[in-house]
C-alpha cells in the first residue's frame, strides 16, 4: 500500500497492489481528536463494520493505516 499527499492539498492518493496500483482519491483531513477505532472521513461503513473507500473494500487494519497516513500528513 502507498499513500501520497502533496503539501497544501486536502486530498491524498491511495494505491494498493490488490487494485493493480490504480490510484484512489482520499479526501479531507481526519477529524481532530478522533477515536482510534474510527476510519478516515472518505471511508464509510458498509455492510455492518466493513470499511470501504469508494468502490474498494478495506479491512480494518488497512482503514486504520490510511487514517494514520491522513493524520501524519495533515499539518503539511
PDB file of N, CA and C in Angstrom:
ATOM      1  N   UNK A   1       0.842  -1.175   0.000  1.00  0.00           N
ATOM      2  CA  UNK A   1       0.000   0.000   0.000  1.00  0.00           C
ATOM      3  C   UNK A   1       0.885   1.236   0.000  1.00  0.00           C
ATOM      4  N   UNK A   2       0.425   2.234  -0.720  1.00  0.00           N
ATOM      5  CA  UNK A   2       1.149   3.508  -0.803  1.00  0.00           C
ATOM      6  C   UNK A   2       0.133   4.629  -0.613  1.00  0.00           C
ATOM      7  N   UNK A   3       0.542   5.643   0.158  1.00  0.00           N
ATOM      8  CA  UNK A   3      -0.271   6.837   0.327  1.00  0.00           C
ATOM      9  C   UNK A   3       0.601   8.031  -0.016  1.00  0.00           C
ATOM     10  N   UNK A   4       0.082   8.923  -0.874  1.00  0.00           N
ATOM     11  CA  UNK A   4       0.806  10.125  -1.279  1.00  0.00           C
ATOM     12  C   UNK A   4      -0.122  11.317  -1.091  1.00  0.00           C
ATOM     13  N   UNK A   5       0.393  12.349  -0.432  1.00  0.00           N
ATOM     14  CA  UNK A   5      -0.372  13.590  -0.259  1.00  0.00           C
ATOM     15  C   UNK A   5       0.579  14.756  -0.434  1.00  0.00           C
ATOM     16  N   UNK A   6       0.299  15.594  -1.410  1.00  0.00           N
ATOM     17  CA  UNK A   6       1.143  16.752  -1.674  1.00  0.00           C
ATOM     18  C   UNK A   6       0.887  17.831  -0.633  1.00  0.00           C
ATOM     19  N   UNK A   7       1.937  18.586  -0.250  1.00  0.00           N
ATOM     20  CA  UNK A   7       1.759  19.666   0.715  1.00  0.00           C
ATOM     21  C   UNK A   7       0.689  20.659   0.248  1.00  0.00           C
ATOM     22  N   UNK A   8      -0.172  21.048   1.181  1.00  0.00           N
ATOM     23  CA  UNK A   8      -1.217  22.023   0.900  1.00  0.00           C
ATOM     24  C   UNK A   8      -2.476  21.455   0.279  1.00  0.00           C
ATOM     25  N   UNK A   9      -2.493  20.193  -0.043  1.00  0.00           N
ATOM     26  CA  UNK A   9      -3.665  19.568  -0.661  1.00  0.00           C
ATOM     27  C   UNK A   9      -4.577  18.971   0.404  1.00  0.00           C
ATOM     28  N   UNK A  10      -5.887  19.010   0.174  1.00  0.00           N
ATOM     29  CA  UNK A  10      -6.855  18.414   1.087  1.00  0.00           C
ATOM     30  C   UNK A  10      -7.094  16.946   0.786  1.00  0.00           C
ATOM     31  N   UNK A  11      -6.484  16.435  -0.268  1.00  0.00           N
ATOM     32  CA  UNK A  11      -6.683  15.031  -0.626  1.00  0.00           C
ATOM     33  C   UNK A  11      -5.348  14.329  -0.787  1.00  0.00           C
ATOM     34  N   UNK A  12      -5.392  13.031  -0.722  1.00  0.00           N
ATOM     35  CA  UNK A  12      -4.232  12.197  -0.960  1.00  0.00           C
ATOM     36  C   UNK A  12      -4.609  11.123  -1.976  1.00  0.00           C
ATOM     37  N   UNK A  13      -3.639  10.317  -2.336  1.00  0.00           N
ATOM     38  CA  UNK A  13      -3.862   9.234  -3.279  1.00  0.00           C
ATOM     39  C   UNK A  13      -3.442   7.927  -2.613  1.00  0.00           C
ATOM     40  N   UNK A  14      -4.314   6.938  -2.685  1.00  0.00           N
ATOM     41  CA  UNK A  14      -4.091   5.612  -2.116  1.00  0.00           C
ATOM     42  C   UNK A  14      -3.876   4.639  -3.269  1.00  0.00           C
ATOM     43  N   UNK A  15      -2.783   3.882  -3.189  1.00  0.00           N
ATOM     44  CA  UNK A  15      -2.505   2.848  -4.190  1.00  0.00           C
ATOM     45  C   UNK A  15      -2.325   1.521  -3.459  1.00  0.00           C
ATOM     46  N   UNK A  16      -2.806   0.443  -4.059  1.00  0.00           N
ATOM     47  CA  UNK A  16      -2.763  -0.869  -3.407  1.00  0.00           C
ATOM     48  C   UNK A  16      -2.454  -1.915  -4.476  1.00  0.00           C
ATOM     49  N   UNK A  17      -1.591  -2.861  -4.157  1.00  0.00           N
ATOM     50  CA  UNK A  17      -1.224  -3.897  -5.122  1.00  0.00           C
ATOM     51  C   UNK A  17      -2.433  -4.738  -5.525  1.00  0.00           C
ATOM     52  N   UNK A  18      -3.384  -4.953  -4.611  1.00  0.00           N
ATOM     53  CA  UNK A  18      -4.587  -5.721  -4.940  1.00  0.00           C
ATOM     54  C   UNK A  18      -5.458  -5.010  -5.976  1.00  0.00           C
ATOM     55  N   UNK A  19      -5.238  -3.711  -6.161  1.00  0.00           N
ATOM     56  CA  UNK A  19      -6.016  -2.915  -7.115  1.00  0.00           C
ATOM     57  C   UNK A  19      -5.197  -2.601  -8.365  1.00  0.00           C
ATOM     58  N   UNK A  20      -4.134  -3.381  -8.599  1.00  0.00           N
ATOM     59  CA  UNK A  20      -3.234  -3.155  -9.734  1.00  0.00           C
ATOM     60  C   UNK A  20      -2.671  -1.747  -9.735  1.00  0.00           C
ATOM     61  N   UNK A  21      -2.444  -1.195  -8.547  1.00  0.00           N
ATOM     62  CA  UNK A  21      -1.860   0.128  -8.349  1.00  0.00           C
ATOM     63  C   UNK A  21      -2.697   1.245  -8.959  1.00  0.00           C
ATOM     64  N   UNK A  22      -3.994   1.016  -9.159  1.00  0.00           N
ATOM     65  CA  UNK A  22      -4.885   2.068  -9.654  1.00  0.00           C
ATOM     66  C   UNK A  22      -5.095   3.098  -8.540  1.00  0.00           C
ATOM     67  N   UNK A  23      -4.802   4.384  -8.791  1.00  0.00           N
ATOM     68  CA  UNK A  23      -4.937   5.405  -7.747  1.00  0.00           C
ATOM     69  C   UNK A  23      -6.388   5.624  -7.323  1.00  0.00           C
ATOM     70  N   UNK A  24      -6.590   5.745  -6.013  1.00  0.00           N
ATOM     71  CA  UNK A  24      -7.900   6.064  -5.442  1.00  0.00           C
ATOM     72  C   UNK A  24      -7.745   7.345  -4.630  1.00  0.00           C
ATOM     73  N   UNK A  25      -8.609   8.322  -4.883  1.00  0.00           N
ATOM     74  CA  UNK A  25      -8.558   9.605  -4.191  1.00  0.00           C
ATOM     75  C   UNK A  25      -9.093   9.469  -2.770  1.00  0.00           C
ATOM     76  N   UNK A  26      -8.368  10.024  -1.810  1.00  0.00           N
ATOM     77  CA  UNK A  26      -8.783  10.061  -0.411  1.00  0.00           C
ATOM     78  C   UNK A  26      -8.859  11.529  -0.038  1.00  0.00           C
ATOM     79  N   UNK A  27     -10.049  12.015   0.300  1.00  0.00           N
ATOM     80  CA  UNK A  27     -10.242  13.435   0.546  1.00  0.00           C
ATOM     81  C   UNK A  27     -10.363  13.767   2.019  1.00  0.00           C
ATOM     82  N   UNK A  28      -9.885  14.966   2.360  1.00  0.00           N
ATOM     83  CA  UNK A  28     -10.100  15.545   3.677  1.00  0.00           C
ATOM     84  C   UNK A  28      -9.195  15.029   4.766  1.00  0.00           C
ATOM     85  N   UNK A  29      -8.853  15.923   5.689  1.00  0.00           N
ATOM     86  CA  UNK A  29      -8.050  15.528   6.848  1.00  0.00           C
ATOM     87  C   UNK A  29      -8.914  14.775   7.849  1.00  0.00           C
ATOM     88  N   UNK A  30      -8.292  13.963   8.716  1.00  0.00           N
ATOM     89  CA  UNK A  30      -9.072  13.288   9.743  1.00  0.00           C
ATOM     90  C   UNK A  30      -9.613  14.283  10.754  1.00  0.00           C
ATOM     91  N   UNK A  31     -10.658  13.923  11.448  1.00  0.00           N
ATOM     92  CA  UNK A  31     -11.233  14.775  12.475  1.00  0.00           C
ATOM     93  C   UNK A  31     -10.280  14.848  13.663  1.00  0.00           C
ATOM     94  N   UNK A  32     -10.001  16.043  14.148  1.00  0.00           N
ATOM     95  CA  UNK A  32      -9.103  16.205  15.298  1.00  0.00           C
ATOM     96  C   UNK A  32      -9.662  15.465  16.500  1.00  0.00           C
ATOM     97  N   UNK A  33      -8.809  14.742  17.189  1.00  0.00           N
ATOM     98  CA  UNK A  33      -9.218  14.017  18.383  1.00  0.00           C
ATOM     99  C   UNK A  33     -10.076  12.803  18.101  1.00  0.00           C
ATOM    100  N   UNK A  34     -10.021  12.314  16.880  1.00  0.00           N
ATOM    101  CA  UNK A  34     -10.861  11.167  16.516  1.00  0.00           C
ATOM    102  C   UNK A  34     -10.468   9.930  17.305  1.00  0.00           C
ATOM    103  N   UNK A  35     -11.454   9.111  17.592  1.00  0.00           N
ATOM    104  CA  UNK A  35     -11.232   7.845  18.285  1.00  0.00           C
ATOM    105  C   UNK A  35     -10.364   6.950  17.408  1.00  0.00           C
ATOM    106  N   UNK A  36      -9.469   6.183  18.007  1.00  0.00           N
ATOM    107  CA  UNK A  36      -8.540   5.325  17.261  1.00  0.00           C
ATOM    108  C   UNK A  36      -9.263   4.270  16.429  1.00  0.00           C
ATOM    109  N   UNK A  37     -10.479   3.946  16.773  1.00  0.00           N
ATOM    110  CA  UNK A  37     -11.218   2.931  16.028  1.00  0.00           C
ATOM    111  C   UNK A  37     -11.969   3.500  14.833  1.00  0.00           C
ATOM    112  N   UNK A  38     -12.024   4.823  14.713  1.00  0.00           N
ATOM    113  CA  UNK A  38     -12.720   5.435  13.587  1.00  0.00           C
ATOM    114  C   UNK A  38     -11.887   5.292  12.325  1.00  0.00           C
ATOM    115  N   UNK A  39     -12.522   5.369  11.186  1.00  0.00           N
ATOM    116  CA  UNK A  39     -11.848   5.274   9.902  1.00  0.00           C
ATOM    117  C   UNK A  39     -11.837   6.645   9.248  1.00  0.00           C
ATOM    118  N   UNK A  40     -11.002   6.871   8.217  1.00  0.00           N
ATOM    119  CA  UNK A  40     -10.917   8.182   7.583  1.00  0.00           C
ATOM    120  C   UNK A  40     -12.270   8.670   7.071  1.00  0.00           C
ATOM    121  N   UNK A  41     -12.419  10.008   6.917  1.00  0.00           N
ATOM    122  CA  UNK A  41     -13.691  10.587   6.502  1.00  0.00           C
ATOM    123  C   UNK A  41     -14.236  10.030   5.192  1.00  0.00           C
ATOM    124  N   UNK A  42     -13.364   9.711   4.242  1.00  0.00           N
ATOM    125  CA  UNK A  42     -13.864   9.217   2.968  1.00  0.00           C
ATOM    126  C   UNK A  42     -14.076   7.708   2.981  1.00  0.00           C
ATOM    127  N   UNK A  43     -13.737   7.064   4.077  1.00  0.00           N
ATOM    128  CA  UNK A  43     -14.019   5.642   4.223  1.00  0.00           C
ATOM    129  C   UNK A  43     -15.312   5.541   5.010  1.00  0.00           C
ATOM    130  N   UNK A  44     -16.331   4.951   4.423  1.00  0.00           N
ATOM    131  CA  UNK A  44     -17.611   4.868   5.108  1.00  0.00           C
ATOM    132  C   UNK A  44     -17.877   3.418   5.524  1.00  0.00           C
ATOM    133  N   UNK A  45     -18.769   3.260   6.450  1.00  0.00           N
ATOM    134  CA  UNK A  45     -19.139   1.921   6.890  1.00  0.00           C
ATOM    135  C   UNK A  45     -20.163   1.345   5.920  1.00  0.00           C
ATOM    136  N   UNK A  46     -20.002   0.101   5.562  1.00  0.00           N
ATOM    137  CA  UNK A  46     -20.875  -0.552   4.598  1.00  0.00           C
ATOM    138  C   UNK A  46     -21.014  -2.006   5.000  1.00  0.00           C
ATOM    139  N   UNK A  47     -22.200  -2.547   4.923  1.00  0.00           N
ATOM    140  CA  UNK A  47     -22.445  -3.930   5.319  1.00  0.00           C
ATOM    141  C   UNK A  47     -21.968  -4.186   6.740  1.00  0.00           C
ATOM    142  N   UNK A  48     -22.460  -3.411   7.663  1.00  0.00           N
ATOM    143  CA  UNK A  48     -22.055  -3.577   9.061  1.00  0.00           C
ATOM    144  C   UNK A  48     -20.806  -2.790   9.358  1.00  0.00           C
ATOM    145  N   UNK A  49     -19.710  -3.491   9.678  1.00  0.00           N
ATOM    146  CA  UNK A  49     -18.491  -2.796  10.072  1.00  0.00           C
ATOM    147  C   UNK A  49     -17.364  -2.935   9.045  1.00  0.00           C
ATOM    148  N   UNK A  50     -17.703  -3.200   7.789  1.00  0.00           N
ATOM    149  CA  UNK A  50     -16.691  -3.329   6.746  1.00  0.00           C
ATOM    150  C   UNK A  50     -16.418  -1.955   6.134  1.00  0.00           C
ATOM    151  N   UNK A  51     -15.201  -1.385   6.295  1.00  0.00           N
ATOM    152  CA  UNK A  51     -14.899  -0.067   5.735  1.00  0.00           C
ATOM    153  C   UNK A  51     -14.671  -0.154   4.222  1.00  0.00           C
ATOM    154  N   UNK A  52     -15.175   0.840   3.517  1.00  0.00           N
ATOM    155  CA  UNK A  52     -14.964   0.913   2.077  1.00  0.00           C
ATOM    156  C   UNK A  52     -14.473   2.312   1.710  1.00  0.00           C
ATOM    157  N   UNK A  53     -13.737   2.392   0.617  1.00  0.00           N
ATOM    158  CA  UNK A  53     -13.242   3.659   0.082  1.00  0.00           C
ATOM    159  C   UNK A  53     -13.715   3.706  -1.363  1.00  0.00           C
ATOM    160  N   UNK A  54     -14.766   4.457  -1.629  1.00  0.00           N
ATOM    161  CA  UNK A  54     -15.365   4.428  -2.959  1.00  0.00           C
ATOM    162  C   UNK A  54     -15.922   3.041  -3.222  1.00  0.00           C
ATOM    163  N   UNK A  55     -15.386   2.367  -4.234  1.00  0.00           N
ATOM    164  CA  UNK A  55     -15.828   1.005  -4.538  1.00  0.00           C
ATOM    165  C   UNK A  55     -14.842  -0.053  -4.044  1.00  0.00           C
ATOM    166  N   UNK A  56     -13.906   0.354  -3.182  1.00  0.00           N
ATOM    167  CA  UNK A  56     -12.879  -0.545  -2.663  1.00  0.00           C
ATOM    168  C   UNK A  56     -13.220  -0.951  -1.228  1.00  0.00           C
ATOM    169  N   UNK A  57     -13.248  -2.247  -0.983  1.00  0.00           N
ATOM    170  CA  UNK A  57     -13.478  -2.747   0.369  1.00  0.00           C
ATOM    171  C   UNK A  57     -12.125  -2.892   1.058  1.00  0.00           C
ATOM    172  N   UNK A  58     -11.979  -2.263   2.225  1.00  0.00           N
ATOM    173  CA  UNK A  58     -10.752  -2.338   3.020  1.00  0.00           C
ATOM    174  C   UNK A  58     -10.994  -3.214   4.242  1.00  0.00           C
ATOM    175  N   UNK A  59      -9.917  -3.813   4.747  1.00  0.00           N
ATOM    176  CA  UNK A  59     -10.070  -4.459   6.047  1.00  0.00           C
ATOM    177  C   UNK A  59      -9.745  -3.414   7.115  1.00  0.00           C
ATOM    178  N   UNK A  60     -10.046  -3.708   8.352  1.00  0.00           N
ATOM    179  CA  UNK A  60      -9.880  -2.725   9.428  1.00  0.00           C
ATOM    180  C   UNK A  60      -8.429  -2.234   9.557  1.00  0.00           C
ATOM    181  N   UNK A  61      -7.408  -3.117   9.507  1.00  0.00           N
ATOM    182  CA  UNK A  61      -6.027  -2.611   9.574  1.00  0.00           C
ATOM    183  C   UNK A  61      -5.685  -1.664   8.425  1.00  0.00           C
ATOM    184  N   UNK A  62      -6.166  -1.941   7.218  1.00  0.00           N
ATOM    185  CA  UNK A  62      -5.910  -1.039   6.085  1.00  0.00           C
ATOM    186  C   UNK A  62      -6.568   0.313   6.312  1.00  0.00           C
ATOM    187  N   UNK A  63      -7.793   0.308   6.815  1.00  0.00           N
ATOM    188  CA  UNK A  63      -8.503   1.560   7.078  1.00  0.00           C
ATOM    189  C   UNK A  63      -7.798   2.372   8.158  1.00  0.00           C
ATOM    190  N   UNK A  64      -7.318   1.716   9.206  1.00  0.00           N
ATOM    191  CA  UNK A  64      -6.606   2.424  10.270  1.00  0.00           C
ATOM    192  C   UNK A  64      -5.259   2.947   9.774  1.00  0.00           C
ATOM    193  N   UNK A  65      -4.577   2.189   8.916  1.00  0.00           N
ATOM    194  CA  UNK A  65      -3.317   2.647   8.329  1.00  0.00           C
ATOM    195  C   UNK A  65      -3.565   3.901   7.494  1.00  0.00           C
ATOM    196  N   UNK A  66      -4.651   3.886   6.710  1.00  0.00           N
ATOM    197  CA  UNK A  66      -4.998   5.038   5.887  1.00  0.00           C
ATOM    198  C   UNK A  66      -5.306   6.251   6.756  1.00  0.00           C
ATOM    199  N   UNK A  67      -5.996   6.039   7.864  1.00  0.00           N
ATOM    200  CA  UNK A  67      -6.286   7.123   8.801  1.00  0.00           C
ATOM    201  C   UNK A  67      -4.987   7.701   9.363  1.00  0.00           C
ATOM    202  N   UNK A  68      -4.046   6.827   9.701  1.00  0.00           N
ATOM    203  CA  UNK A  68      -2.760   7.293  10.221  1.00  0.00           C
ATOM    204  C   UNK A  68      -2.004   8.113   9.176  1.00  0.00           C
ATOM    205  N   UNK A  69      -2.061   7.698   7.923  1.00  0.00           N
ATOM    206  CA  UNK A  69      -1.413   8.459   6.845  1.00  0.00           C
ATOM    207  C   UNK A  69      -2.026   9.844   6.709  1.00  0.00           C
ATOM    208  N   UNK A  70      -3.345   9.926   6.754  1.00  0.00           N
ATOM    209  CA  UNK A  70      -4.020  11.225   6.677  1.00  0.00           C
ATOM    210  C   UNK A  70      -3.629  12.111   7.856  1.00  0.00           C
ATOM    211  N   UNK A  71      -3.604  11.541   9.042  1.00  0.00           N
ATOM    212  CA  UNK A  71      -3.263  12.314  10.237  1.00  0.00           C
ATOM    213  C   UNK A  71      -1.813  12.800  10.175  1.00  0.00           C
ATOM    214  N   UNK A  72      -0.913  11.938   9.741  1.00  0.00           N
ATOM    215  CA  UNK A  72       0.509  12.310   9.679  1.00  0.00           C
ATOM    216  C   UNK A  72       0.770  13.397   8.642  1.00  0.00           C
ATOM    217  N   UNK A  73      -0.018  13.422   7.584  1.00  0.00           N
ATOM    218  CA  UNK A  73       0.209  14.407   6.521  1.00  0.00           C
ATOM    219  C   UNK A  73      -0.647  15.651   6.662  1.00  0.00           C
ATOM    220  N   UNK A  74      -1.496  15.702   7.691  1.00  0.00           N
ATOM    221  CA  UNK A  74      -2.430  16.812   7.855  1.00  0.00           C
ATOM    222  C   UNK A  74      -1.732  18.155   8.015  1.00  0.00           C
ATOM    223  N   UNK A  75      -0.664  18.218   8.759  1.00  0.00           N
ATOM    224  CA  UNK A  75      -0.020  19.522   9.018  1.00  0.00           C
ATOM    225  C   UNK A  75       0.698  20.084   7.806  1.00  0.00           C
ATOM    226  N   UNK A  76       0.941  19.286   6.788  1.00  0.00           N
ATOM    227  CA  UNK A  76       1.579  19.799   5.577  1.00  0.00           C
ATOM    228  C   UNK A  76       0.637  20.733   4.875  1.00  0.00           C
TER     229      UNK A  76
END
